[in-house]
Amino acid sequence: MRLKKAIFTAILLAISAASQATAQEKNCKFYPEGGLLKRSYELIGPEACKDACTQTDGCKAWSYTPHTFNPTSAPGDCRMMEAVSEEAENDEDFCGRL
């Protein structure tokens, strides 16, 4: 029962965060060139992911996937990168460059 409640809560948070995306963010997914600088499963929403990128030395781009179910209780997956090797359209993800 706790697991279902945690998943439900995380999904609601991710949906809420995704609906608050700013005009600078778009629905796309970036793939890093040379690996990730940093990854966080703790951040909620694309704006928080972008903010984390601005505070990470060398970060030039970020990509955020709302609740990925990995790990089970994560609100989302924020990937921060120095360079982008590929950009793909994606209705569920958000990405941006600094």
PDB file of N, CA and C in Angstrom:
ATOM      1  N   MET A   1       0.809  -1.189   0.000  1.00  0.00           N
ATOM      2  CA  MET A   1       0.000   0.000   0.000  1.00  0.00           C
ATOM      3  C   MET A   1       0.863   1.267   0.000  1.00  0.00           C
ATOM      4  N   ARG A   2       1.952   1.270   0.795  1.00  0.00           N
ATOM      5  CA  ARG A   2       2.846   2.438   0.831  1.00  0.00           C
ATOM      6  C   ARG A   2       3.474   2.692  -0.532  1.00  0.00           C
ATOM      7  N   LEU A   3       3.878   1.604  -1.191  1.00  0.00           N
ATOM      8  CA  LEU A   3       4.503   1.741  -2.497  1.00  0.00           C
ATOM      9  C   LEU A   3       3.534   2.371  -3.492  1.00  0.00           C
ATOM     10  N   LYS A   4       2.285   1.940  -3.513  1.00  0.00           N
ATOM     11  CA  LYS A   4       1.289   2.512  -4.413  1.00  0.00           C
ATOM     12  C   LYS A   4       1.079   3.990  -4.119  1.00  0.00           C
ATOM     13  N   LYS A   5       1.016   4.337  -2.838  1.00  0.00           N
ATOM     14  CA  LYS A   5       0.824   5.733  -2.454  1.00  0.00           C
ATOM     15  C   LYS A   5       2.028   6.575  -2.876  1.00  0.00           C
ATOM     16  N   ALA A   6       3.244   6.050  -2.683  1.00  0.00           N
ATOM     17  CA  ALA A   6       4.455   6.778  -3.072  1.00  0.00           C
ATOM     18  C   ALA A   6       4.499   6.985  -4.584  1.00  0.00           C
ATOM     19  N   ILE A   7       4.155   5.963  -5.337  1.00  0.00           N
ATOM     20  CA  ILE A   7       4.148   6.065  -6.796  1.00  0.00           C
ATOM     21  C   ILE A   7       3.105   7.081  -7.247  1.00  0.00           C
ATOM     22  N   PHE A   8       1.920   7.005  -6.681  1.00  0.00           N
ATOM     23  CA  PHE A   8       0.848   7.929  -7.032  1.00  0.00           C
ATOM     24  C   PHE A   8       1.251   9.370  -6.732  1.00  0.00           C
ATOM     25  N   THR A   9       1.838   9.601  -5.567  1.00  0.00           N
ATOM     26  CA  THR A   9       2.280  10.937  -5.179  1.00  0.00           C
ATOM     27  C   THR A   9       3.349  11.452  -6.130  1.00  0.00           C
ATOM     28  N   ALA A  10       4.305  10.600  -6.461  1.00  0.00           N
ATOM     29  CA  ALA A  10       5.377  11.003  -7.374  1.00  0.00           C
ATOM     30  C   ALA A  10       4.834  11.331  -8.759  1.00  0.00           C
ATOM     31  N   ILE A  11       3.871  10.564  -9.222  1.00  0.00           N
ATOM     32  CA  ILE A  11       3.271  10.828 -10.536  1.00  0.00           C
ATOM     33  C   ILE A  11       2.560  12.177 -10.529  1.00  0.00           C
ATOM     34  N   LEU A  12       1.817  12.450  -9.478  1.00  0.00           N
ATOM     35  CA  LEU A  12       1.130  13.741  -9.387  1.00  0.00           C
ATOM     36  C   LEU A  12       2.121  14.901  -9.363  1.00  0.00           C
ATOM     37  N   LEU A  13       3.212  14.750  -8.617  1.00  0.00           N
ATOM     38  CA  LEU A  13       4.236  15.792  -8.567  1.00  0.00           C
ATOM     39  C   LEU A  13       4.872  16.004  -9.935  1.00  0.00           C
ATOM     40  N   ALA A  14       5.150  14.926 -10.629  1.00  0.00           N
ATOM     41  CA  ALA A  14       5.778  15.022 -11.952  1.00  0.00           C
ATOM     42  C   ALA A  14       4.838  15.679 -12.958  1.00  0.00           C
ATOM     43  N   ILE A  15       3.564  15.328 -12.909  1.00  0.00           N
ATOM     44  CA  ILE A  15       2.585  15.930 -13.817  1.00  0.00           C
ATOM     45  C   ILE A  15       2.468  17.422 -13.531  1.00  0.00           C
ATOM     46  N   SER A  16       2.413  17.765 -12.278  1.00  0.00           N
ATOM     47  CA  SER A  16       2.322  19.170 -11.890  1.00  0.00           C
ATOM     48  C   SER A  16       3.553  19.933 -12.340  1.00  0.00           C
ATOM     49  N   ALA A  17       4.724  19.370 -12.120  1.00  0.00           N
ATOM     50  CA  ALA A  17       5.970  20.028 -12.509  1.00  0.00           C
ATOM     51  C   ALA A  17       6.060  20.177 -14.020  1.00  0.00           C
ATOM     52  N   ALA A  18       5.644  19.161 -14.752  1.00  0.00           N
ATOM     53  CA  ALA A  18       5.719  19.209 -16.205  1.00  0.00           C
ATOM     54  C   ALA A  18       4.799  20.289 -16.760  1.00  0.00           C
ATOM     55  N   SER A  19       3.669  20.510 -16.111  1.00  0.00           N
ATOM     56  CA  SER A  19       2.742  21.522 -16.599  1.00  0.00           C
ATOM     57  C   SER A  19       3.240  22.930 -16.326  1.00  0.00           C
ATOM     58  N   GLN A  20       4.271  23.080 -15.495  1.00  0.00           N
ATOM     59  CA  GLN A  20       4.806  24.382 -15.154  1.00  0.00           C
ATOM     60  C   GLN A  20       6.057  24.723 -15.962  1.00  0.00           C
ATOM     61  N   ALA A  21       6.303  24.039 -17.036  1.00  0.00           N
ATOM     62  CA  ALA A  21       7.506  24.285 -17.842  1.00  0.00           C
ATOM     63  C   ALA A  21       7.503  25.707 -18.388  1.00  0.00           C
ATOM     64  N   THR A  22       8.650  26.323 -18.427  1.00  0.00           N
ATOM     65  CA  THR A  22       8.755  27.684 -18.929  1.00  0.00           C
ATOM     66  C   THR A  22       8.912  27.694 -20.439  1.00  0.00           C
ATOM     67  N   ALA A  23       8.854  28.881 -21.020  1.00  0.00           N
ATOM     68  CA  ALA A  23       8.941  29.016 -22.474  1.00  0.00           C
ATOM     69  C   ALA A  23      10.311  28.602 -23.001  1.00  0.00           C
ATOM     70  N   GLN A  24      11.354  28.645 -22.163  1.00  0.00           N
ATOM     71  CA  GLN A  24      12.693  28.270 -22.620  1.00  0.00           C
ATOM     72  C   GLN A  24      12.841  26.758 -22.751  1.00  0.00           C
ATOM     73  N   GLU A  25      11.972  26.024 -22.144  1.00  0.00           N
ATOM     74  CA  GLU A  25      12.047  24.570 -22.195  1.00  0.00           C
ATOM     75  C   GLU A  25      11.176  24.075 -23.341  1.00  0.00           C
ATOM     76  N   LYS A  26      11.579  22.985 -23.918  1.00  0.00           N
ATOM     77  CA  LYS A  26      10.763  22.418 -24.977  1.00  0.00           C
ATOM     78  C   LYS A  26      10.696  20.914 -24.812  1.00  0.00           C
ATOM     79  N   ASN A  27       9.753  20.318 -25.502  1.00  0.00           N
ATOM     80  CA  ASN A  27       9.605  18.877 -25.432  1.00  0.00           C
ATOM     81  C   ASN A  27      10.627  18.219 -26.350  1.00  0.00           C
ATOM     82  N   CYS A  28      11.709  17.796 -25.735  1.00  0.00           N
ATOM     83  CA  CYS A  28      12.769  17.118 -26.467  1.00  0.00           C
ATOM     84  C   CYS A  28      13.615  16.341 -25.465  1.00  0.00           C
ATOM     85  N   LYS A  29      14.496  15.550 -25.988  1.00  0.00           N
ATOM     86  CA  LYS A  29      15.405  14.779 -25.154  1.00  0.00           C
ATOM     87  C   LYS A  29      16.805  14.923 -25.736  1.00  0.00           C
ATOM     88  N   PHE A  30      17.755  15.281 -24.885  1.00  0.00           N
ATOM     89  CA  PHE A  30      19.145  15.380 -25.294  1.00  0.00           C
ATOM     90  C   PHE A  30      19.885  14.112 -24.906  1.00  0.00           C
ATOM     91  N   TYR A  31      20.800  13.716 -25.754  1.00  0.00           N
ATOM     92  CA  TYR A  31      21.700  12.611 -25.462  1.00  0.00           C
ATOM     93  C   TYR A  31      23.100  13.199 -25.353  1.00  0.00           C
ATOM     94  N   PRO A  32      23.816  12.875 -24.278  1.00  0.00           N
ATOM     95  CA  PRO A  32      25.109  13.511 -24.040  1.00  0.00           C
ATOM     96  C   PRO A  32      26.217  13.010 -24.961  1.00  0.00           C
ATOM     97  N   GLU A  33      27.124  13.916 -25.232  1.00  0.00           N
ATOM     98  CA  GLU A  33      28.344  13.551 -25.953  1.00  0.00           C
ATOM     99  C   GLU A  33      29.425  13.366 -24.892  1.00  0.00           C
ATOM    100  N   GLY A  34      29.940  12.178 -24.776  1.00  0.00           N
ATOM    101  CA  GLY A  34      31.014  11.920 -23.819  1.00  0.00           C
ATOM    102  C   GLY A  34      30.545  11.646 -22.402  1.00  0.00           C
ATOM    103  N   GLY A  35      29.308  11.381 -22.187  1.00  0.00           N
ATOM    104  CA  GLY A  35      28.816  11.040 -20.849  1.00  0.00           C
ATOM    105  C   GLY A  35      28.195  12.215 -20.112  1.00  0.00           C
ATOM    106  N   LEU A  36      27.586  11.903 -18.991  1.00  0.00           N
ATOM    107  CA  LEU A  36      26.915  12.903 -18.174  1.00  0.00           C
ATOM    108  C   LEU A  36      27.869  13.546 -17.181  1.00  0.00           C
ATOM    109  N   LEU A  37      27.670  14.825 -16.929  1.00  0.00           N
ATOM    110  CA  LEU A  37      28.400  15.495 -15.852  1.00  0.00           C
ATOM    111  C   LEU A  37      27.808  15.100 -14.504  1.00  0.00           C
ATOM    112  N   LYS A  38      26.484  15.032 -14.468  1.00  0.00           N
ATOM    113  CA  LYS A  38      25.783  14.757 -13.219  1.00  0.00           C
ATOM    114  C   LYS A  38      24.386  14.250 -13.550  1.00  0.00           C
ATOM    115  N   ARG A  39      23.845  13.449 -12.643  1.00  0.00           N
ATOM    116  CA  ARG A  39      22.487  12.928 -12.802  1.00  0.00           C
ATOM    117  C   ARG A  39      21.805  13.010 -11.453  1.00  0.00           C
ATOM    118  N   SER A  40      20.515  13.369 -11.444  1.00  0.00           N
ATOM    119  CA  SER A  40      19.773  13.433 -10.199  1.00  0.00           C
ATOM    120  C   SER A  40      18.382  12.840 -10.378  1.00  0.00           C
ATOM    121  N   TYR A  41      18.011  11.983  -9.443  1.00  0.00           N
ATOM    122  CA  TYR A  41      16.654  11.448  -9.389  1.00  0.00           C
ATOM    123  C   TYR A  41      15.829  12.166  -8.323  1.00  0.00           C
ATOM    124  N   GLU A  42      16.391  13.199  -7.711  1.00  0.00           N
ATOM    125  CA  GLU A  42      15.753  13.886  -6.591  1.00  0.00           C
ATOM    126  C   GLU A  42      14.984  15.136  -7.003  1.00  0.00           C
ATOM    127  N   LEU A  43      15.264  15.690  -8.156  1.00  0.00           N
ATOM    128  CA  LEU A  43      14.674  16.965  -8.563  1.00  0.00           C
ATOM    129  C   LEU A  43      13.271  16.783  -9.117  1.00  0.00           C
ATOM    130  N   ILE A  44      12.432  17.787  -8.848  1.00  0.00           N
ATOM    131  CA  ILE A  44      11.049  17.734  -9.313  1.00  0.00           C
ATOM    132  C   ILE A  44      10.845  18.830 -10.352  1.00  0.00           C
ATOM    133  N   GLY A  45      10.671  18.445 -11.595  1.00  0.00           N
ATOM    134  CA  GLY A  45      10.348  19.375 -12.660  1.00  0.00           C
ATOM    135  C   GLY A  45      11.531  19.862 -13.466  1.00  0.00           C
ATOM    136  N   PRO A  46      11.235  20.279 -14.699  1.00  0.00           N
ATOM    137  CA  PRO A  46      12.290  20.742 -15.597  1.00  0.00           C
ATOM    138  C   PRO A  46      12.982  22.013 -15.106  1.00  0.00           C
ATOM    139  N   GLU A  47      12.260  22.904 -14.446  1.00  0.00           N
ATOM    140  CA  GLU A  47      12.875  24.140 -13.949  1.00  0.00           C
ATOM    141  C   GLU A  47      13.950  23.827 -12.904  1.00  0.00           C
ATOM    142  N   ALA A  48      13.673  22.860 -12.028  1.00  0.00           N
ATOM    143  CA  ALA A  48      14.662  22.456 -11.018  1.00  0.00           C
ATOM    144  C   ALA A  48      15.878  21.820 -11.679  1.00  0.00           C
ATOM    145  N   CYS A  49      15.659  21.076 -12.746  1.00  0.00           N
ATOM    146  CA  CYS A  49      16.768  20.454 -13.476  1.00  0.00           C
ATOM    147  C   CYS A  49      17.627  21.533 -14.127  1.00  0.00           C
ATOM    148  N   LYS A  50      16.981  22.515 -14.749  1.00  0.00           N
ATOM    149  CA  LYS A  50      17.712  23.616 -15.365  1.00  0.00           C
ATOM    150  C   LYS A  50      18.521  24.381 -14.311  1.00  0.00           C
ATOM    151  N   ASP A  51      17.909  24.641 -13.169  1.00  0.00           N
ATOM    152  CA  ASP A  51      18.610  25.345 -12.084  1.00  0.00           C
ATOM    153  C   ASP A  51      19.834  24.566 -11.619  1.00  0.00           C
ATOM    154  N   ALA A  52      19.689  23.244 -11.510  1.00  0.00           N
ATOM    155  CA  ALA A  52      20.820  22.400 -11.095  1.00  0.00           C
ATOM    156  C   ALA A  52      21.938  22.476 -12.120  1.00  0.00           C
ATOM    157  N   CYS A  53      21.588  22.528 -13.397  1.00  0.00           N
ATOM    158  CA  CYS A  53      22.595  22.628 -14.453  1.00  0.00           C
ATOM    159  C   CYS A  53      23.350  23.951 -14.325  1.00  0.00           C
ATOM    160  N   THR A  54      22.640  25.042 -14.040  1.00  0.00           N
ATOM    161  CA  THR A  54      23.309  26.341 -13.914  1.00  0.00           C
ATOM    162  C   THR A  54      24.278  26.357 -12.737  1.00  0.00           C
ATOM    163  N   GLN A  55      24.055  25.492 -11.760  1.00  0.00           N
ATOM    164  CA  GLN A  55      24.914  25.434 -10.580  1.00  0.00           C
ATOM    165  C   GLN A  55      25.998  24.363 -10.683  1.00  0.00           C
ATOM    166  N   THR A  56      26.061  23.673 -11.817  1.00  0.00           N
ATOM    167  CA  THR A  56      27.046  22.606 -12.020  1.00  0.00           C
ATOM    168  C   THR A  56      28.122  23.094 -12.992  1.00  0.00           C
ATOM    169  N   ASP A  57      29.359  23.122 -12.522  1.00  0.00           N
ATOM    170  CA  ASP A  57      30.474  23.569 -13.367  1.00  0.00           C
ATOM    171  C   ASP A  57      30.537  22.768 -14.665  1.00  0.00           C
ATOM    172  N   GLY A  58      30.607  23.477 -15.778  1.00  0.00           N
ATOM    173  CA  GLY A  58      30.746  22.833 -17.078  1.00  0.00           C
ATOM    174  C   GLY A  58      29.442  22.433 -17.729  1.00  0.00           C
ATOM    175  N   CYS A  59      28.328  22.555 -17.022  1.00  0.00           N
ATOM    176  CA  CYS A  59      27.036  22.130 -17.582  1.00  0.00           C
ATOM    177  C   CYS A  59      26.567  23.138 -18.626  1.00  0.00           C
ATOM    178  N   LYS A  60      26.286  22.634 -19.813  1.00  0.00           N
ATOM    179  CA  LYS A  60      25.837  23.476 -20.915  1.00  0.00           C
ATOM    180  C   LYS A  60      24.431  23.110 -21.393  1.00  0.00           C
ATOM    181  N   ALA A  61      23.970  21.915 -20.990  1.00  0.00           N
ATOM    182  CA  ALA A  61      22.651  21.450 -21.425  1.00  0.00           C
ATOM    183  C   ALA A  61      22.098  20.461 -20.404  1.00  0.00           C
ATOM    184  N   TRP A  62      20.772  20.343 -20.396  1.00  0.00           N
ATOM    185  CA  TRP A  62      20.116  19.433 -19.459  1.00  0.00           C
ATOM    186  C   TRP A  62      18.924  18.783 -20.165  1.00  0.00           C
ATOM    187  N   SER A  63      18.519  17.640 -19.632  1.00  0.00           N
ATOM    188  CA  SER A  63      17.368  16.917 -20.153  1.00  0.00           C
ATOM    189  C   SER A  63      16.647  16.292 -18.963  1.00  0.00           C
ATOM    190  N   TYR A  64      15.317  16.466 -18.910  1.00  0.00           N
ATOM    191  CA  TYR A  64      14.540  16.008 -17.757  1.00  0.00           C
ATOM    192  C   TYR A  64      13.406  15.098 -18.212  1.00  0.00           C
ATOM    193  N   THR A  65      13.319  13.949 -17.585  1.00  0.00           N
ATOM    194  CA  THR A  65      12.227  13.009 -17.829  1.00  0.00           C
ATOM    195  C   THR A  65      11.399  12.916 -16.556  1.00  0.00           C
ATOM    196  N   PRO A  66      10.115  13.329 -16.593  1.00  0.00           N
ATOM    197  CA  PRO A  66       9.279  13.161 -15.403  1.00  0.00           C
ATOM    198  C   PRO A  66       9.178  11.698 -15.013  1.00  0.00           C
ATOM    199  N   HIS A  67       8.930  11.434 -13.779  1.00  0.00           N
ATOM    200  CA  HIS A  67       8.890  10.123 -13.125  1.00  0.00           C
ATOM    201  C   HIS A  67       9.188   8.950 -14.047  1.00  0.00           C
ATOM    202  N   THR A  68      10.338   8.346 -13.824  1.00  0.00           N
ATOM    203  CA  THR A  68      10.801   7.252 -14.670  1.00  0.00           C
ATOM    204  C   THR A  68      10.593   5.874 -14.050  1.00  0.00           C
ATOM    205  N   PHE A  69      10.106   5.836 -12.821  1.00  0.00           N
ATOM    206  CA  PHE A  69       9.928   4.587 -12.077  1.00  0.00           C
ATOM    207  C   PHE A  69      11.252   3.878 -11.830  1.00  0.00           C
ATOM    208  N   ASN A  70      12.360   4.606 -11.926  1.00  0.00           N
ATOM    209  CA  ASN A  70      13.663   4.018 -11.641  1.00  0.00           C
ATOM    210  C   ASN A  70      14.563   5.067 -11.015  1.00  0.00           C
ATOM    211  N   PRO A  71      14.842   5.041  -9.769  1.00  0.00           N
ATOM    212  CA  PRO A  71      14.324   4.134  -8.760  1.00  0.00           C
ATOM    213  C   PRO A  71      12.840   4.377  -8.507  1.00  0.00           C
ATOM    214  N   THR A  72      12.197   3.450  -7.832  1.00  0.00           N
ATOM    215  CA  THR A  72      10.747   3.414  -7.699  1.00  0.00           C
ATOM    216  C   THR A  72      10.133   4.728  -7.231  1.00  0.00           C
ATOM    217  N   SER A  73      10.743   5.412  -6.298  1.00  0.00           N
ATOM    218  CA  SER A  73      10.112   6.607  -5.752  1.00  0.00           C
ATOM    219  C   SER A  73      10.643   7.919  -6.337  1.00  0.00           C
ATOM    220  N   ALA A  74      11.408   7.860  -7.384  1.00  0.00           N
ATOM    221  CA  ALA A  74      12.004   9.072  -7.947  1.00  0.00           C
ATOM    222  C   ALA A  74      10.953   9.943  -8.622  1.00  0.00           C
ATOM    223  N   PRO A  75      11.000  11.268  -8.376  1.00  0.00           N
ATOM    224  CA  PRO A  75      10.059  12.151  -9.060  1.00  0.00           C
ATOM    225  C   PRO A  75      10.419  12.386 -10.524  1.00  0.00           C
ATOM    226  N   GLY A  76      11.671  12.135 -10.903  1.00  0.00           N
ATOM    227  CA  GLY A  76      12.081  12.320 -12.288  1.00  0.00           C
ATOM    228  C   GLY A  76      13.551  12.016 -12.462  1.00  0.00           C
ATOM    229  N   ASP A  77      14.031  12.191 -13.688  1.00  0.00           N
ATOM    230  CA  ASP A  77      15.424  11.916 -14.024  1.00  0.00           C
ATOM    231  C   ASP A  77      16.003  13.151 -14.705  1.00  0.00           C
ATOM    232  N   CYS A  78      16.916  13.835 -14.022  1.00  0.00           N
ATOM    233  CA  CYS A  78      17.573  15.030 -14.551  1.00  0.00           C
ATOM    234  C   CYS A  78      18.993  14.664 -14.964  1.00  0.00           C
ATOM    235  N   ARG A  79      19.306  14.910 -16.243  1.00  0.00           N
ATOM    236  CA  ARG A  79      20.630  14.604 -16.766  1.00  0.00           C
ATOM    237  C   ARG A  79      21.301  15.902 -17.190  1.00  0.00           C
ATOM    238  N   MET A  80      22.478  16.158 -16.637  1.00  0.00           N
ATOM    239  CA  MET A  80      23.216  17.376 -16.944  1.00  0.00           C
ATOM    240  C   MET A  80      24.456  17.009 -17.758  1.00  0.00           C
ATOM    241  N   MET A  81      24.705  17.781 -18.815  1.00  0.00           N
ATOM    242  CA  MET A  81      25.792  17.415 -19.722  1.00  0.00           C
ATOM    243  C   MET A  81      26.569  18.628 -20.211  1.00  0.00           C
ATOM    244  N   GLU A  82      27.794  18.358 -20.604  1.00  0.00           N
ATOM    245  CA  GLU A  82      28.682  19.394 -21.129  1.00  0.00           C
ATOM    246  C   GLU A  82      28.416  19.640 -22.614  1.00  0.00           C
ATOM    247  N   ALA A  83      28.088  18.575 -23.326  1.00  0.00           N
ATOM    248  CA  ALA A  83      27.835  18.678 -24.767  1.00  0.00           C
ATOM    249  C   ALA A  83      26.738  17.697 -25.166  1.00  0.00           C
ATOM    250  N   VAL A  84      26.015  18.058 -26.215  1.00  0.00           N
ATOM    251  CA  VAL A  84      24.907  17.242 -26.716  1.00  0.00           C
ATOM    252  C   VAL A  84      25.330  16.583 -28.018  1.00  0.00           C
ATOM    253  N   SER A  85      25.148  15.267 -28.093  1.00  0.00           N
ATOM    254  CA  SER A  85      25.481  14.565 -29.335  1.00  0.00           C
ATOM    255  C   SER A  85      24.260  14.421 -30.238  1.00  0.00           C
ATOM    256  N   GLU A  86      23.080  14.403 -29.619  1.00  0.00           N
ATOM    257  CA  GLU A  86      21.857  14.209 -30.401  1.00  0.00           C
ATOM    258  C   GLU A  86      20.680  14.832 -29.672  1.00  0.00           C
ATOM    259  N   GLU A  87      19.753  15.407 -30.436  1.00  0.00           N
ATOM    260  CA  GLU A  87      18.511  15.941 -29.889  1.00  0.00           C
ATOM    261  C   GLU A  87      17.361  15.237 -30.584  1.00  0.00           C
ATOM    262  N   ALA A  88      16.414  14.750 -29.792  1.00  0.00           N
ATOM    263  CA  ALA A  88      15.264  14.052 -30.348  1.00  0.00           C
ATOM    264  C   ALA A  88      13.975  14.684 -29.831  1.00  0.00           C
ATOM    265  N   GLU A  89      12.972  14.785 -30.694  1.00  0.00           N
ATOM    266  CA  GLU A  89      11.660  15.247 -30.238  1.00  0.00           C
ATOM    267  C   GLU A  89      11.097  14.201 -29.293  1.00  0.00           C
ATOM    268  N   ASN A  90      10.458  14.663 -28.232  1.00  0.00           N
ATOM    269  CA  ASN A  90       9.905  13.746 -27.245  1.00  0.00           C
ATOM    270  C   ASN A  90       8.801  14.483 -26.492  1.00  0.00           C
ATOM    271  N   ASP A  91       7.573  13.996 -26.585  1.00  0.00           N
ATOM    272  CA  ASP A  91       6.433  14.662 -25.960  1.00  0.00           C
ATOM    273  C   ASP A  91       6.445  14.591 -24.432  1.00  0.00           C
ATOM    274  N   GLU A  92       7.187  13.669 -23.866  1.00  0.00           N
ATOM    275  CA  GLU A  92       7.178  13.484 -22.414  1.00  0.00           C
ATOM    276  C   GLU A  92       8.367  14.142 -21.707  1.00  0.00           C
ATOM    277  N   ASP A  93       9.432  14.427 -22.415  1.00  0.00           N
ATOM    278  CA  ASP A  93      10.648  14.963 -21.809  1.00  0.00           C
ATOM    279  C   ASP A  93      10.787  16.465 -22.061  1.00  0.00           C
ATOM    280  N   PHE A  94      11.695  17.075 -21.312  1.00  0.00           N
ATOM    281  CA  PHE A  94      12.003  18.491 -21.474  1.00  0.00           C
ATOM    282  C   PHE A  94      13.519  18.625 -21.580  1.00  0.00           C
ATOM    283  N   CYS A  95      13.996  19.615 -22.310  1.00  0.00           N
ATOM    284  CA  CYS A  95      15.426  19.838 -22.389  1.00  0.00           C
ATOM    285  C   CYS A  95      15.701  21.300 -22.690  1.00  0.00           C
ATOM    286  N   GLY A  96      16.934  21.688 -22.463  1.00  0.00           N
ATOM    287  CA  GLY A  96      17.311  23.065 -22.749  1.00  0.00           C
ATOM    288  C   GLY A  96      18.814  23.233 -22.701  1.00  0.00           C
ATOM    289  N   ARG A  97      19.263  24.339 -23.253  1.00  0.00           N
ATOM    290  CA  ARG A  97      20.685  24.690 -23.246  1.00  0.00           C
ATOM    291  C   ARG A  97      20.852  25.977 -22.452  1.00  0.00           C
ATOM    292  N   LEU A  98      21.995  26.117 -21.828  1.00  0.00           N
ATOM    293  CA  LEU A  98      22.290  27.352 -21.105  1.00  0.00           C
ATOM    294  C   LEU A  98      23.015  28.324 -22.003  1.00  0.00           C
TER     295      LEU A  98
END
